[in-house]
N, C-alpha and C. Protein backbone atom coordinates (compact mmCIF):
# COMPACT_ATOMS: atom_id res chain seq x y z
N MET A 1 52.64 39.95 -60.32
CA MET A 1 52.06 38.94 -59.83
C MET A 1 50.48 39.16 -59.76
N ILE A 2 49.86 38.13 -59.97
CA ILE A 2 48.41 38.62 -59.95
C ILE A 2 47.61 37.77 -59.22
N ARG A 3 46.97 38.28 -58.14
CA ARG A 3 46.26 37.90 -56.75
C ARG A 3 44.76 38.52 -56.62
N PRO A 4 43.69 37.51 -56.32
CA PRO A 4 42.47 38.06 -56.22
C PRO A 4 42.85 39.22 -54.75
N PRO A 5 41.85 40.20 -54.66
CA PRO A 5 41.47 41.42 -53.57
C PRO A 5 40.95 40.62 -52.57
N ASN A 6 41.85 40.86 -51.05
CA ASN A 6 41.46 40.21 -49.91
C ASN A 6 40.13 40.66 -49.72
N GLU A 7 39.57 41.63 -49.92
CA GLU A 7 38.49 42.34 -49.62
C GLU A 7 37.42 42.28 -50.85
N GLY A 8 36.08 42.30 -50.63
CA GLY A 8 34.72 42.71 -51.20
C GLY A 8 34.87 41.61 -52.63
N ILE A 9 35.04 40.53 -52.55
CA ILE A 9 35.01 39.31 -53.28
C ILE A 9 34.62 38.41 -52.64
N ASP A 10 33.29 37.51 -53.57
CA ASP A 10 32.94 36.22 -53.19
C ASP A 10 33.61 34.96 -53.84
N VAL A 11 34.12 34.06 -52.87
CA VAL A 11 35.12 32.96 -53.60
C VAL A 11 34.21 31.68 -53.15
N TRP A 12 34.12 30.64 -54.12
CA TRP A 12 33.63 29.49 -53.78
C TRP A 12 34.94 28.39 -54.37
N LEU A 13 34.89 27.67 -53.16
CA LEU A 13 35.69 26.33 -53.22
C LEU A 13 35.39 25.19 -53.60
N CYS A 14 35.36 24.35 -54.99
CA CYS A 14 34.72 23.37 -54.72
C CYS A 14 35.65 22.03 -54.18
N VAL A 15 35.12 21.31 -53.43
CA VAL A 15 35.59 20.55 -52.39
C VAL A 15 36.14 19.24 -53.27
N GLU A 16 35.49 18.81 -54.16
CA GLU A 16 35.64 17.45 -55.08
C GLU A 16 36.73 18.08 -56.12
N PRO A 17 37.94 16.96 -56.49
CA PRO A 17 38.96 17.15 -57.34
C PRO A 17 38.34 17.33 -58.65
N VAL A 18 38.64 18.37 -59.38
CA VAL A 18 38.20 18.18 -60.85
C VAL A 18 39.62 17.48 -62.12
N ASP A 19 38.83 16.98 -62.84
CA ASP A 19 39.83 16.59 -63.82
C ASP A 19 40.35 18.12 -65.06
N PHE A 20 41.79 18.00 -64.84
CA PHE A 20 42.33 19.51 -65.10
C PHE A 20 42.26 19.32 -66.84
N ARG A 21 41.52 18.43 -67.19
CA ARG A 21 41.70 18.25 -68.97
C ARG A 21 40.57 19.22 -69.42
N LYS A 22 39.91 19.65 -68.38
CA LYS A 22 38.54 20.57 -68.58
C LYS A 22 39.19 21.79 -68.45
N GLN A 23 38.91 22.77 -69.63
CA GLN A 23 39.26 24.42 -69.87
C GLN A 23 37.98 24.50 -69.66
N MET A 24 38.04 26.44 -69.94
CA MET A 24 37.42 27.10 -68.93
C MET A 24 36.09 26.98 -69.64
N THR A 25 35.66 26.17 -70.49
CA THR A 25 34.13 25.89 -70.88
C THR A 25 33.85 24.89 -69.65
N GLY A 26 34.46 23.88 -69.86
CA GLY A 26 34.19 22.77 -68.62
C GLY A 26 34.00 23.04 -67.58
N LEU A 27 34.91 24.01 -66.74
CA LEU A 27 34.64 24.04 -65.98
C LEU A 27 33.55 25.35 -65.62
N ALA A 28 33.11 25.76 -66.50
CA ALA A 28 31.84 26.88 -66.14
C ALA A 28 30.84 25.67 -66.02
N ALA A 29 30.50 25.04 -67.23
CA ALA A 29 29.73 23.96 -67.00
C ALA A 29 29.54 22.96 -65.80
N LEU A 30 30.49 22.82 -65.42
CA LEU A 30 30.52 22.11 -63.89
C LEU A 30 30.08 23.27 -62.49
N VAL A 31 30.33 24.45 -63.00
CA VAL A 31 29.76 25.85 -61.87
C VAL A 31 28.21 25.54 -61.90
N GLN A 32 27.74 25.72 -63.22
CA GLN A 32 26.30 25.88 -63.65
C GLN A 32 25.54 24.72 -63.40
N ASP A 33 26.36 23.51 -63.73
CA ASP A 33 25.29 22.37 -63.31
C ASP A 33 25.61 21.52 -62.07
N THR A 34 27.02 21.58 -61.89
CA THR A 34 27.36 20.40 -60.49
C THR A 34 26.66 21.34 -59.44
N LEU A 35 27.58 22.58 -59.23
CA LEU A 35 27.39 23.31 -58.04
C LEU A 35 26.10 24.13 -57.79
N ALA A 36 25.24 23.94 -58.89
CA ALA A 36 24.19 25.04 -58.93
C ALA A 36 24.28 26.65 -58.93
N MET A 37 25.13 27.38 -59.50
CA MET A 37 25.61 28.70 -59.41
C MET A 37 25.92 29.11 -60.79
N ASP A 38 25.99 30.81 -60.74
CA ASP A 38 26.21 31.48 -61.58
C ASP A 38 27.38 31.27 -62.41
N PRO A 39 27.91 30.90 -63.39
CA PRO A 39 29.45 31.26 -63.64
C PRO A 39 29.80 32.82 -64.10
N PHE A 40 28.31 33.40 -64.42
CA PHE A 40 28.84 34.61 -65.18
C PHE A 40 28.63 35.65 -64.08
N SER A 41 28.69 35.56 -62.70
CA SER A 41 28.58 36.35 -61.47
C SER A 41 30.10 36.94 -61.26
N THR A 42 30.13 37.74 -60.79
CA THR A 42 31.71 38.25 -60.53
C THR A 42 32.19 37.29 -59.16
N GLN A 43 32.09 36.60 -59.10
CA GLN A 43 32.42 35.62 -57.80
C GLN A 43 33.68 34.78 -58.30
N LEU A 44 34.53 34.25 -57.76
CA LEU A 44 35.51 33.45 -58.27
C LEU A 44 35.15 31.81 -57.53
N PHE A 45 35.54 31.18 -58.57
CA PHE A 45 35.30 29.91 -58.39
C PHE A 45 36.89 29.08 -58.49
N VAL A 46 36.75 28.43 -57.07
CA VAL A 46 38.34 27.61 -57.35
C VAL A 46 38.18 26.20 -57.14
N PHE A 47 39.05 25.26 -57.93
CA PHE A 47 39.13 23.84 -58.58
C PHE A 47 40.57 23.35 -57.90
N THR A 48 40.63 22.21 -57.81
CA THR A 48 42.07 21.51 -57.72
C THR A 48 42.06 20.05 -58.30
N ASN A 49 42.73 19.68 -58.56
CA ASN A 49 43.38 18.08 -59.85
C ASN A 49 43.13 17.38 -57.96
N ARG A 50 43.07 15.87 -58.32
CA ARG A 50 42.93 14.89 -57.63
C ARG A 50 44.37 14.88 -56.55
N ARG A 51 45.50 15.32 -57.00
CA ARG A 51 46.84 15.22 -56.32
C ARG A 51 46.63 16.53 -55.46
N ARG A 52 45.78 17.60 -55.83
CA ARG A 52 46.08 18.88 -55.10
C ARG A 52 47.55 19.61 -54.84
N THR A 53 48.08 19.10 -56.51
CA THR A 53 49.28 19.98 -56.67
C THR A 53 48.99 21.42 -57.87
N GLN A 54 47.58 21.48 -57.92
CA GLN A 54 47.43 22.33 -59.18
C GLN A 54 46.29 22.98 -58.43
N CYS A 55 46.00 24.29 -58.95
CA CYS A 55 44.74 25.11 -58.65
C CYS A 55 44.37 25.93 -59.56
N ARG A 56 43.04 26.02 -59.96
CA ARG A 56 42.76 26.79 -61.11
C ARG A 56 41.48 27.56 -60.37
N ILE A 57 41.72 29.14 -60.91
CA ILE A 57 40.60 30.08 -60.50
C ILE A 57 39.92 30.45 -61.97
N LEU A 58 38.72 30.11 -61.61
CA LEU A 58 37.80 30.79 -62.87
C LEU A 58 36.74 31.62 -62.35
N TYR A 59 36.93 32.98 -63.45
CA TYR A 59 35.88 33.85 -63.20
C TYR A 59 35.26 34.27 -64.18
N TRP A 60 34.36 35.39 -64.25
CA TRP A 60 33.85 36.18 -65.43
C TRP A 60 34.24 37.54 -65.43
N GLU A 61 34.84 38.20 -66.04
CA GLU A 61 35.39 39.39 -66.56
C GLU A 61 34.57 40.40 -67.34
N ARG A 62 34.01 41.11 -67.63
CA ARG A 62 33.01 41.86 -68.09
C ARG A 62 32.44 41.04 -69.49
N CYS A 63 33.07 40.71 -70.48
CA CYS A 63 33.17 39.79 -71.64
C CYS A 63 33.72 38.96 -72.00
N GLY A 64 34.10 37.83 -70.71
CA GLY A 64 34.71 36.59 -71.39
C GLY A 64 35.21 35.85 -69.81
N PHE A 65 35.41 34.77 -69.74
CA PHE A 65 36.09 33.81 -69.06
C PHE A 65 37.62 34.22 -68.33
N VAL A 66 38.42 34.23 -67.16
CA VAL A 66 39.43 33.97 -66.88
C VAL A 66 39.91 33.25 -66.16
N LEU A 67 40.72 32.17 -66.58
CA LEU A 67 41.49 31.04 -65.70
C LEU A 67 42.81 31.27 -65.48
N TRP A 68 42.95 31.06 -63.91
CA TRP A 68 44.12 31.52 -63.49
C TRP A 68 44.67 30.43 -63.03
N GLN A 69 45.91 29.48 -63.24
CA GLN A 69 46.45 28.45 -62.59
C GLN A 69 47.35 28.97 -61.83
N LYS A 70 47.73 27.77 -60.88
CA LYS A 70 49.09 27.61 -60.24
C LYS A 70 49.63 26.10 -59.62
N ARG A 71 50.60 25.76 -60.34
CA ARG A 71 50.90 24.42 -60.13
C ARG A 71 52.07 24.82 -58.84
N LEU A 72 52.23 23.60 -58.03
CA LEU A 72 53.30 23.40 -57.11
C LEU A 72 53.78 21.96 -57.50
N GLU A 73 55.12 22.81 -57.27
CA GLU A 73 56.35 21.58 -57.58
C GLU A 73 56.70 20.15 -56.95
N ARG A 74 56.89 20.53 -55.63
CA ARG A 74 56.71 19.53 -54.69
C ARG A 74 55.92 19.61 -53.58
N ALA A 75 55.31 20.47 -53.22
CA ALA A 75 54.03 20.69 -51.76
C ALA A 75 52.54 20.26 -52.66
N ARG A 76 51.65 20.58 -51.60
CA ARG A 76 50.26 20.29 -51.87
C ARG A 76 49.53 21.08 -51.48
N PHE A 77 48.47 21.48 -52.22
CA PHE A 77 47.13 22.37 -51.57
C PHE A 77 46.80 21.98 -50.27
N ALA A 78 46.48 22.73 -49.19
CA ALA A 78 45.73 21.54 -48.11
C ALA A 78 44.06 22.43 -48.50
N TRP A 79 43.11 21.25 -48.56
CA TRP A 79 41.94 21.21 -49.08
C TRP A 79 40.62 20.75 -48.12
N PRO A 80 39.87 21.20 -48.20
CA PRO A 80 38.69 20.85 -46.95
C PRO A 80 38.24 19.26 -47.51
N ARG A 81 37.89 18.28 -46.46
CA ARG A 81 37.37 17.42 -46.60
C ARG A 81 36.00 17.15 -46.06
N ARG A 82 35.02 17.91 -46.67
CA ARG A 82 33.61 18.16 -45.87
C ARG A 82 32.94 17.14 -46.90
N ALA A 83 31.63 17.24 -46.56
CA ALA A 83 30.45 16.39 -47.23
C ALA A 83 29.64 17.45 -48.24
N ASP A 84 29.72 18.93 -47.99
CA ASP A 84 29.77 19.84 -48.89
C ASP A 84 30.35 19.42 -50.02
N ALA A 85 29.42 20.37 -51.18
CA ALA A 85 30.01 20.42 -52.42
C ALA A 85 31.06 21.64 -52.67
N VAL A 86 30.63 22.71 -52.02
CA VAL A 86 31.22 23.59 -52.38
C VAL A 86 31.46 24.61 -50.70
N VAL A 87 32.43 25.21 -50.24
CA VAL A 87 33.11 26.00 -49.32
C VAL A 87 33.42 27.55 -50.11
N SER A 88 32.56 28.44 -49.30
CA SER A 88 32.74 30.03 -48.95
C SER A 88 33.96 30.22 -48.76
N LEU A 89 34.65 31.28 -48.90
CA LEU A 89 36.05 32.11 -48.20
C LEU A 89 35.77 33.10 -48.86
N SER A 90 36.83 33.71 -48.27
CA SER A 90 37.22 35.49 -48.29
C SER A 90 38.18 35.32 -49.59
N GLY A 91 38.59 36.58 -49.87
CA GLY A 91 39.60 36.56 -50.55
C GLY A 91 41.03 36.74 -50.05
N ALA A 92 40.54 37.41 -48.87
CA ALA A 92 41.99 36.81 -48.09
C ALA A 92 42.57 35.49 -47.74
N GLN A 93 41.20 34.67 -47.43
CA GLN A 93 41.39 33.19 -46.76
C GLN A 93 41.88 32.47 -47.99
N LEU A 94 41.53 32.77 -49.36
CA LEU A 94 41.89 32.33 -50.80
C LEU A 94 43.44 32.21 -50.95
N ASN A 95 43.94 33.75 -50.61
CA ASN A 95 45.28 33.90 -50.52
C ASN A 95 46.37 33.50 -49.67
N PHE A 96 45.78 32.77 -48.35
CA PHE A 96 46.35 31.92 -47.58
C PHE A 96 46.43 30.62 -47.73
N LEU A 97 45.45 30.34 -48.55
CA LEU A 97 45.22 28.84 -49.15
C LEU A 97 46.24 28.79 -50.52
N LEU A 98 46.40 29.92 -51.50
CA LEU A 98 47.70 29.53 -52.28
C LEU A 98 48.83 29.88 -51.89
N ASP A 99 49.26 30.77 -50.80
CA ASP A 99 50.45 30.56 -49.91
C ASP A 99 51.23 29.37 -49.14
N GLY A 100 49.95 28.42 -49.16
CA GLY A 100 49.82 27.28 -48.56
C GLY A 100 49.72 26.83 -46.73
N TYR A 101 48.88 28.00 -46.72
CA TYR A 101 48.57 27.67 -45.22
C TYR A 101 47.15 26.66 -45.04
N ASP A 102 46.57 25.94 -44.01
CA ASP A 102 46.02 24.91 -44.18
C ASP A 102 45.04 25.65 -43.18
N LEU A 103 43.96 26.41 -43.89
CA LEU A 103 42.64 26.98 -43.37
C LEU A 103 41.78 26.17 -42.58
N TRP A 104 41.94 24.88 -42.39
CA TRP A 104 41.09 24.16 -41.90
C TRP A 104 41.69 23.65 -40.21
N ARG A 105 43.04 23.94 -40.01
CA ARG A 105 43.76 23.44 -39.04
C ARG A 105 44.05 24.66 -38.12
N MET A 106 44.14 25.84 -38.78
CA MET A 106 44.29 27.14 -37.71
C MET A 106 43.10 27.25 -37.10
N ARG A 107 43.24 27.64 -36.01
CA ARG A 107 42.38 28.17 -34.81
C ARG A 107 42.61 29.41 -34.39
N PRO A 108 41.52 30.37 -34.66
CA PRO A 108 41.49 31.59 -33.91
C PRO A 108 41.23 31.62 -32.43
N HIS A 109 41.56 32.73 -31.70
CA HIS A 109 40.78 33.07 -30.29
C HIS A 109 39.73 32.49 -30.14
N GLN A 110 39.21 31.93 -29.00
CA GLN A 110 38.14 32.07 -28.61
C GLN A 110 37.44 32.94 -28.56
N HIS A 111 36.25 33.05 -29.13
CA HIS A 111 35.20 34.24 -28.56
C HIS A 111 34.45 34.59 -27.37
N LEU A 112 34.48 35.90 -26.98
CA LEU A 112 34.37 36.00 -25.52
C LEU A 112 33.02 36.85 -25.91
N HIS A 113 31.88 36.59 -24.84
CA HIS A 113 30.81 37.31 -24.89
C HIS A 113 30.61 37.80 -23.31
N TYR A 114 30.29 38.89 -23.16
CA TYR A 114 29.88 39.50 -22.15
C TYR A 114 29.03 40.37 -21.53
N ALA A 115 28.30 40.44 -20.65
CA ALA A 115 26.61 41.02 -20.74
C ALA A 115 27.04 42.17 -20.05
N SER A 116 28.08 42.55 -19.28
CA SER A 116 28.20 43.99 -18.72
C SER A 116 29.99 44.31 -18.71
N MET A 117 30.56 45.43 -18.35
CA MET A 117 31.52 45.71 -18.44
C MET A 117 32.05 45.54 -17.03
N TYR A 118 30.89 45.54 -15.79
CA TYR A 118 31.05 45.32 -14.56
C TYR A 118 30.91 43.93 -14.09
C-alpha cells in the first residue's frame, strides 16, 4: 500500500472538481496556472472529479511527476465547499480523507486558555 507520510509534507487540496481526462501534464499546468503554485515543489496536490468518486494526487519526485489515484466503488470523498481555490492539509489529514473521514465535520475539543495555575 502506498500512502503519504503523516508528517513533514505539505498537501494542497484543490477545492474545485477537475476533469480527469487530464493526466500529469494537464494537472501540473492547472497547479501552475490556476492555483498559482509550483508543481515542481515537494508538495502534494490533491484533486477530485465532479462526482467525488475519484481522487488523484500529483507530486514531483526528483526527476519526474508521480500520479497516484484512488477510485471508490460505492462511496464519495468528503470535499470542502469553500470559496478558496485551495485548502492546506497535513499528511495525516490527507490519510483520513482517503480513509473516508469528513474532515470538515470533525470537531476537536475546545481550546482552553488559562492565565495562571491558581
